[in-house]
Every structure is written in structure tokens, then in C-alpha cells.
Amino acid sequence: MYTTYSICFHNDTKQVEVKQITQDTPCEKVQIIGTSSMYNGYREMPEWIQRKVSVLRFVGVDQDVDGVGRMLNKDRFWIYDGRES
């Protein structure tokens, strides 16, 4: 089971917003379940998120990568976190 995070790059402020979400498939209704964290740019995010965003940028839009996530558009991603809590 993965925890899913919404990653949103705000180009106007250069900040990155990270929110924990749930996803009800197959309709993909999204519900925010945690507070959001704001980072002052890509390099300020945790490294594990940076690595997954890099993979998704390489793969492209709407390609679901098991254990990594999905790129929704150039500024929005869903990242899957399967790490033990």
C-alpha cells in the first residue's frame, strides 16, 4: 500500500507544495487528508521526492510508474511512497 502525495510546482513563486492525498479509483476522486508543506524550490524537497519527480519527468505525462507515481502535467505530480512508517 502506498501513501500518495500531490506535488505542485508554483512557477510564479518558485515554491513547491506537497500534500498527502487519497485516491478513490477508478473515478480518481482525490481527497486531501493532511496539511500541505511548502518548499522553496525543487532542491529543498526531500531527496526521495526529488528522485521520483526526476523519473516521472523522464517518462512523461500520464504514465503510471509502479512504486514511483504519475506526472499529471509539467507542474503537477502524484508521488507514491511505499516506505515503512
C-alpha atoms as a PDB file:
ATOM      1  CA  MET A   1       0.000   0.000   0.000  1.00  0.00           C
ATOM      2  CA  TYR A   2       1.309   3.410  -0.969  1.00  0.00           C
ATOM      3  CA  THR A   3       0.818   6.796   0.581  1.00  0.00           C
ATOM      4  CA  THR A   4       0.174   9.226  -2.268  1.00  0.00           C
ATOM      5  CA  TYR A   5       1.408  12.814  -2.327  1.00  0.00           C
ATOM      6  CA  SER A   6       0.364  15.615  -4.653  1.00  0.00           C
ATOM      7  CA  ILE A   7       3.361  17.687  -5.765  1.00  0.00           C
ATOM      8  CA  CYS A   8       2.608  21.087  -7.303  1.00  0.00           C
ATOM      9  CA  PHE A   9       5.255  23.446  -8.668  1.00  0.00           C
ATOM     10  CA  HIS A  10       4.155  27.088  -8.373  1.00  0.00           C
ATOM     11  CA  ASN A  11       6.168  28.805 -11.100  1.00  0.00           C
ATOM     12  CA  ASP A  12       5.063  32.288 -10.077  1.00  0.00           C
ATOM     13  CA  THR A  13       6.600  31.940  -6.575  1.00  0.00           C
ATOM     14  CA  LYS A  14       9.165  29.177  -7.328  1.00  0.00           C
ATOM     15  CA  GLN A  15       7.707  27.208  -4.407  1.00  0.00           C
ATOM     16  CA  VAL A  16       6.720  23.553  -4.358  1.00  0.00           C
ATOM     17  CA  GLU A  17       3.640  22.380  -2.463  1.00  0.00           C
ATOM     18  CA  VAL A  18       3.458  18.807  -1.164  1.00  0.00           C
ATOM     19  CA  LYS A  19       0.152  17.376   0.146  1.00  0.00           C
ATOM     20  CA  GLN A  20      -0.754  13.886   1.300  1.00  0.00           C
ATOM     21  CA  ILE A  21      -3.848  12.661  -0.556  1.00  0.00           C
ATOM     22  CA  THR A  22      -6.063   9.632  -1.002  1.00  0.00           C
ATOM     23  CA  GLN A  23      -7.297   8.444  -4.362  1.00  0.00           C
ATOM     24  CA  ASP A  24     -10.551   6.570  -4.933  1.00  0.00           C
ATOM     25  CA  THR A  25     -10.180   4.546  -8.121  1.00  0.00           C
ATOM     26  CA  PRO A  26     -11.480   4.123 -10.773  1.00  0.00           C
ATOM     27  CA  CYS A  27     -13.039   7.615 -10.789  1.00  0.00           C
ATOM     28  CA  GLU A  28      -9.843   9.135  -9.318  1.00  0.00           C
ATOM     29  CA  LYS A  29     -11.703  11.366  -6.881  1.00  0.00           C
ATOM     30  CA  VAL A  30      -8.962  12.994  -4.803  1.00  0.00           C
ATOM     31  CA  GLN A  31      -9.287  13.972  -1.155  1.00  0.00           C
ATOM     32  CA  ILE A  32      -6.640  15.925   0.770  1.00  0.00           C
ATOM     33  CA  ILE A  33      -6.054  14.190   4.106  1.00  0.00           C
ATOM     34  CA  GLY A  34      -3.085  16.042   5.521  1.00  0.00           C
ATOM     35  CA  THR A  35      -1.677  19.504   5.732  1.00  0.00           C
ATOM     36  CA  SER A  36       0.479  20.805   2.931  1.00  0.00           C
ATOM     37  CA  SER A  37       4.186  21.531   3.136  1.00  0.00           C
ATOM     38  CA  MET A  38       5.764  24.326   1.117  1.00  0.00           C
ATOM     39  CA  TYR A  39       9.365  24.143  -0.095  1.00  0.00           C
ATOM     40  CA  ASN A  40      11.403  26.988  -1.565  1.00  0.00           C
ATOM     41  CA  GLY A  41      12.236  25.186  -4.784  1.00  0.00           C
ATOM     42  CA  TYR A  42      12.965  21.709  -6.082  1.00  0.00           C
ATOM     43  CA  ARG A  43      16.226  21.196  -4.179  1.00  0.00           C
ATOM     44  CA  GLU A  44      14.568  21.959  -0.831  1.00  0.00           C
ATOM     45  CA  MET A  45      12.260  18.927  -1.099  1.00  0.00           C
ATOM     46  CA  PRO A  46      13.314  15.611   0.447  1.00  0.00           C
ATOM     47  CA  GLU A  47      15.687  13.710  -1.852  1.00  0.00           C
ATOM     48  CA  TRP A  48      13.360  10.723  -2.213  1.00  0.00           C
ATOM     49  CA  ILE A  49      10.705  13.046  -3.704  1.00  0.00           C
ATOM     50  CA  GLN A  50      13.268  14.717  -5.991  1.00  0.00           C
ATOM     51  CA  ARG A  51      14.336  11.301  -7.360  1.00  0.00           C
ATOM     52  CA  LYS A  52      10.760  10.247  -8.097  1.00  0.00           C
ATOM     53  CA  VAL A  53       9.882  13.555  -9.792  1.00  0.00           C
ATOM     54  CA  SER A  54      13.012  13.172 -11.968  1.00  0.00           C
ATOM     55  CA  VAL A  55      11.934   9.687 -13.063  1.00  0.00           C
ATOM     56  CA  LEU A  56       8.451  10.912 -13.930  1.00  0.00           C
ATOM     57  CA  ARG A  57       9.755  13.877 -15.928  1.00  0.00           C
ATOM     58  CA  PHE A  58      11.787  11.404 -17.980  1.00  0.00           C
ATOM     59  CA  VAL A  59       8.820   9.063 -18.550  1.00  0.00           C
ATOM     60  CA  GLY A  60       6.289  11.774 -19.408  1.00  0.00           C
ATOM     61  CA  VAL A  61       2.672  12.749 -18.805  1.00  0.00           C
ATOM     62  CA  ASP A  62       0.009  10.170 -17.815  1.00  0.00           C
ATOM     63  CA  GLN A  63       2.412   7.244 -17.478  1.00  0.00           C
ATOM     64  CA  ASP A  64       1.822   5.498 -14.150  1.00  0.00           C
ATOM     65  CA  VAL A  65       5.106   4.075 -12.818  1.00  0.00           C
ATOM     66  CA  ASP A  66       4.627   1.406 -10.146  1.00  0.00           C
ATOM     67  CA  GLY A  67       6.169   2.489  -6.855  1.00  0.00           C
ATOM     68  CA  VAL A  68       7.069   5.936  -8.248  1.00  0.00           C
ATOM     69  CA  GLY A  69       3.961   7.880  -9.270  1.00  0.00           C
ATOM     70  CA  ARG A  70       2.398   9.739 -12.171  1.00  0.00           C
ATOM     71  CA  MET A  71       3.082  13.038 -13.923  1.00  0.00           C
ATOM     72  CA  LEU A  72      -0.263  14.815 -14.427  1.00  0.00           C
ATOM     73  CA  ASN A  73       1.222  17.799 -16.277  1.00  0.00           C
ATOM     74  CA  LYS A  74       4.520  19.697 -16.269  1.00  0.00           C
ATOM     75  CA  ASP A  75       3.786  21.251 -12.860  1.00  0.00           C
ATOM     76  CA  ARG A  76       1.753  18.570 -11.035  1.00  0.00           C
ATOM     77  CA  PHE A  77       2.698  15.053  -9.957  1.00  0.00           C
ATOM     78  CA  TRP A  78       1.412  12.245  -7.784  1.00  0.00           C
ATOM     79  CA  ILE A  79       4.213  10.529  -5.898  1.00  0.00           C
ATOM     80  CA  TYR A  80       3.794   7.101  -4.291  1.00  0.00           C
ATOM     81  CA  ASP A  81       5.582   6.482  -1.005  1.00  0.00           C
ATOM     82  CA  GLY A  82       5.871   2.814  -0.077  1.00  0.00           C
ATOM     83  CA  ARG A  83       8.447   3.381   2.662  1.00  0.00           C
ATOM     84  CA  GLU A  84       7.789   1.931   6.109  1.00  0.00           C
ATOM     85  CA  SER A  85       6.490   4.493   8.600  1.00  0.00           C
END
